[in-house]
Each structure stands twice: as C-alpha cells, then as structure tokens.
Protein backbone atom coordinates (compact mmCIF):
# COMPACT_ATOMS: atom_id res chain seq x y z
CA MET A 1 0.21 -17.78 29.47
CA LYS A 2 -1.27 -20.97 28.04
CA LYS A 3 0.91 -23.99 27.51
CA THR A 4 1.39 -24.99 23.92
CA SER A 5 0.29 -28.52 23.16
CA LEU A 6 2.81 -30.87 21.59
CA VAL A 7 0.03 -33.06 20.23
CA ILE A 8 -0.37 -32.78 16.48
CA PRO A 9 -4.05 -32.18 15.65
CA THR A 10 -5.90 -34.65 13.44
CA VAL A 11 -9.25 -34.44 11.63
CA ASP A 12 -10.82 -35.75 14.87
CA THR A 13 -9.22 -33.19 17.21
CA PRO A 14 -11.88 -30.88 18.69
CA PHE A 15 -11.44 -27.15 18.04
CA HIS A 16 -13.26 -24.05 19.31
CA ILE A 17 -12.92 -20.28 19.40
CA ASP A 18 -10.49 -19.37 22.19
CA PHE A 19 -11.88 -16.11 23.55
CA GLU A 20 -8.71 -15.54 25.61
CA TRP A 21 -6.78 -15.38 22.33
CA TRP A 22 -8.84 -12.33 21.37
CA GLN A 23 -7.97 -10.64 24.67
CA GLN A 24 -4.28 -11.56 24.52
CA ASN A 25 -3.96 -10.36 20.95
CA ASP A 26 -5.87 -7.13 21.60
CA ARG A 27 -8.59 -8.04 19.14
CA ASP A 28 -11.85 -6.17 19.33
CA TRP A 29 -14.28 -9.07 19.56
CA ARG A 30 -17.33 -6.85 19.43
CA VAL A 31 -16.31 -5.18 16.14
CA HIS A 32 -15.89 -8.56 14.48
CA LEU A 33 -19.24 -9.79 15.82
CA LEU A 34 -20.91 -6.62 14.53
CA SER A 35 -19.54 -7.31 11.06
CA SER A 36 -21.12 -10.80 11.19
CA LEU A 37 -24.63 -9.53 11.95
CA CYS A 38 -27.40 -9.47 9.36
CA GLU A 39 -28.33 -6.04 7.97
CA GLU A 40 -31.36 -5.73 10.26
CA HIS A 41 -29.39 -6.25 13.48
CA ARG A 42 -26.20 -4.46 12.41
CA ALA A 43 -28.05 -1.14 12.56
CA VAL A 44 -29.68 -1.95 15.92
CA TYR A 45 -26.52 -3.18 17.66
CA ALA A 46 -24.23 -0.46 16.30
CA GLU A 47 -25.98 1.96 18.70
CA MET A 48 -25.88 -0.33 21.76
CA GLU A 49 -23.08 -0.72 24.27
CA GLY A 50 -21.36 -4.10 24.45
CA GLY A 51 -20.90 -6.42 27.36
CA GLN A 52 -24.49 -7.05 28.41
CA LEU A 53 -24.87 -10.77 29.20
CA VAL A 54 -27.95 -12.89 28.52
CA ASP A 55 -28.76 -16.55 29.18
CA PHE A 56 -28.52 -18.80 26.14
CA VAL A 57 -30.10 -22.26 26.36
CA ASP A 58 -28.60 -24.82 23.99
CA PRO A 59 -31.62 -26.33 22.19
CA GLU A 60 -30.01 -29.78 22.00
CA THR A 61 -28.42 -30.16 25.44
CA ALA A 62 -30.50 -27.64 27.46
CA GLU A 63 -27.21 -26.35 28.86
CA VAL A 64 -27.46 -22.72 29.95
CA GLN A 65 -24.55 -20.45 29.09
CA GLN A 66 -24.06 -16.75 29.66
CA VAL A 67 -23.23 -15.00 26.38
CA GLU A 68 -22.98 -11.39 25.32
CA GLY A 69 -26.28 -10.11 23.92
CA LEU A 70 -24.59 -9.45 20.61
CA GLN A 71 -23.43 -13.08 20.45
CA HIS A 72 -26.93 -14.23 21.40
CA ILE A 73 -28.62 -12.42 18.51
CA LEU A 74 -25.99 -13.86 16.19
CA ILE A 75 -26.70 -17.38 17.45
CA SER A 76 -30.48 -17.11 17.65
CA HIS A 77 -31.19 -15.11 14.50
CA CYS A 78 -28.41 -14.03 12.15
CA ALA A 79 -26.66 -17.43 12.04
CA ARG A 80 -29.95 -18.96 10.88
CA MET A 81 -30.19 -16.68 7.84
CA PRO A 82 -29.48 -18.41 4.51
CA ASP A 83 -26.62 -16.05 3.65
CA PHE A 84 -24.75 -16.29 7.00
CA ILE A 85 -22.41 -18.86 5.44
CA THR A 86 -22.33 -19.20 1.68
CA GLU A 87 -20.09 -21.01 -0.78
CA ARG A 88 -18.31 -17.66 -1.28
CA THR A 89 -17.49 -17.29 2.44
CA SER A 90 -13.77 -17.85 3.04
CA LEU A 91 -12.92 -21.10 4.79
CA VAL A 92 -11.61 -19.42 7.96
CA GLU A 93 -14.68 -17.17 8.19
CA ALA A 94 -16.99 -20.13 7.51
CA VAL A 95 -15.38 -22.14 10.33
CA PHE A 96 -15.54 -19.11 12.65
CA ARG A 97 -19.21 -18.51 11.83
CA THR A 98 -20.00 -22.20 12.32
CA PHE A 99 -18.62 -21.98 15.85
CA LEU A 100 -20.63 -18.81 16.47
CA ALA A 101 -23.77 -20.46 15.16
CA ASN A 102 -23.40 -23.49 17.43
CA GLY A 103 -22.60 -21.53 20.58
CA ASN A 104 -18.88 -22.32 20.31
CA VAL A 105 -19.41 -26.00 21.07
CA HIS A 106 -16.20 -27.76 20.09
CA MET A 107 -16.12 -29.51 16.72
CA SER A 108 -13.49 -31.49 14.85
CA PRO A 109 -12.45 -30.73 11.27
CA ARG A 110 -14.36 -33.89 10.30
CA GLU A 111 -17.56 -32.48 11.87
CA LEU A 112 -16.93 -29.05 10.37
CA SER A 113 -16.51 -30.73 6.99
CA GLU A 114 -20.02 -32.19 7.25
CA HIS A 115 -21.47 -28.74 7.96
CA LEU A 116 -19.45 -26.80 5.41
CA GLN A 117 -19.17 -29.37 2.62
CA ARG A 118 -15.43 -28.77 2.44
CA PRO A 119 -12.67 -31.41 2.82
CA ALA A 120 -11.77 -32.21 6.44
CA ASP A 121 -8.04 -32.35 5.65
CA LEU A 122 -8.19 -28.86 4.10
CA ILE A 123 -10.00 -27.53 7.20
CA LEU A 124 -7.40 -29.19 9.44
CA ARG A 125 -4.47 -27.72 7.48
CA THR A 126 -6.05 -24.28 7.61
CA ILE A 127 -6.92 -24.12 11.32
CA SER A 128 -3.99 -26.07 12.80
CA ARG A 129 -1.13 -23.92 11.56
CA ALA A 130 1.21 -22.01 13.85
CA ARG A 131 -0.66 -18.81 13.00
CA VAL A 132 -4.00 -18.68 14.83
CA TYR A 133 -6.90 -17.35 12.78
CA LYS A 134 -9.78 -15.66 14.63
CA GLY A 135 -8.94 -17.51 17.84
CA ILE A 136 -9.74 -20.94 16.36
CA ARG A 137 -7.61 -23.39 18.31
CA PRO A 138 -7.65 -26.97 19.55
CA CYS A 139 -9.83 -27.36 22.62
CA PRO A 140 -7.44 -28.42 25.44
CA GLU A 141 -10.11 -29.57 27.88
CA CYS A 142 -11.99 -31.72 25.36
C-alpha cells in the first residue's frame, strides 16, 4: 500500500496518472482507453486483445517507454485529433486526456492550465481532493 503524502499540493505540484490506482481499485483501464479512441480506431481495437506492448519514443526527450499498443495509438493518433479535447470535455476528462496525450509525463495544475485554458486553481481543487479521479494523483517521485 502506498503511503499518503502529508504535503498539501499547490498549483506547482506535479501530477500524473497513477496506473497502480487503476489496479488497486479494480478499474478496467482498457475499457476506458477504448472509450477515448477516435471512431476509426475504436472499431479496430475493439476486436484486438489488450496487453501488447510497443516502444514509444517521446518526440521531445527521445526517451523510450514501453506502452500498451492501445495507449500508443491514443498518443500517436487519436490525441492529435481536433476533437480529442474540446471546450465541452469535462475538466477531469480533459486533464486525464492531456496526460494520455503527453505519454503521462507529469504536469502541474499551472502547466495543465496553459494546455486546457482553464484556471490553475480550479484544476488543483478538482484533482487534489481526497477522492481520486481516474488515477490522477500527485507524482511522489517528482
């Protein structure tokens, strides 16, 4: 079990998607990723089995990470579509999709605010509550 941090997050605290949270809370990660795919890939991936890993190279840092193929197509294609995040996307879903789109590289509410054009303090209040939404948590090793 993870230790709970006693540090109160600020708009500069880095957050990320905690994949262990999904496992501990019996969340079906793959189903949620499927719902985030564009129409074209939703049909293709619905038929495929999950768990196949592929190498993803971060275009900015050249860091190589192993990600599920489903996550890779989200990052490399679907997240680049103009309707992946819209002004009608809920704040929690927009933050979640932003992390998916950037390969789950940690970001602070201030950085998320720049991407989403939403107030940093609102993002902080939303993602730093006791209830964890979609595994979005402070990044302990950052």
